[in-house]
Amino acid sequence: MVTSIAAMRALKAEGVTLAAADFVAGHSLGEYSALCAAGALSLADTARLLRIRGDAMQAAVPVGEGAMAALLGLDLAAAEAVAAEAAEGDVCEAANDNDPAQVVVSGHRAAVERAVGIAKEKGAKRALMLPVSAPFHSALMQPAAEAMEAALADVAMAAPQVPLIANVTAAPVTDPAEIRRLLVAQVTGRVRWRESVETMAGRGVGAFWEIGAGKALSGMIRRIAKEAETRAVGTPEDVAAAAESLG
């Protein structure tokens, strides 16, 4: 979040604002950064909400009982089938639909470990456990969702300057009350990133800027919207080049 907001402020200092953007979006906790950048949340409230969210997610499931795994080379339908077979009465769900061949599953550790084995049997190119501290975006996060509902009720939220493409619906939203509801749903719900990019591309977006550290989302976007231009903006040099690209 810190890098994203710092980069946005640096872009603004160079005369680049959201006025030229059609939408904002963020992956998982990045949704809060997107809302802050779009003026829906203050920086202080964004930081406070993310602290509450992080603490609540860690407290929701005892350490070691939950896990997540990346299934590469399987689409969403195949990953959902793997998760359903692996569950065996436990929680195992498709948590992140990242791109056409990358889905992350989340839930009880034993079930997720079974999913890794089943995915390999079903032809996944790779299936690997992820080094995460909790089973994010799964039903096991319900206590955290309840904590976030209370926290979000106490913050001021404005309509974003441009529509947010919400993680859990992959659709545009501007109403603050609806955004609050969707942020709560996001704690236990799937991050529909592939569909979110498809929504934006389908509405004429041809250039995507990833504001923040790393280039992971840019790679996903290129695999989803193959004709789109992507640009990662996370360093002072990136900011200068991005501003120059707009003339």
Foldseek 3Di string as FASTA:
>chain_A
DVLQVVLLVLLVVLVDACPPPQEFEAFQLGRLVRQCSQVFAPPVLSVVLVVLLVVLQLVLDDWPFKWKKKFFQAAQVVLQVLLVVLQPVWWKGFAERLARGITMIITTPSSLVSSQVVSVVVPTPHMGIDPDGGRWQAPSSLRSLVSLLVSLVPGGTAFGNHFYQQQQPLDTDGDSVVVSVSSSNSRNHHRHNLSVLVVCVVVPAQEEEARADDCVSVVRSCRRVVRHHYAYGRDPVSSVVVSVVVD
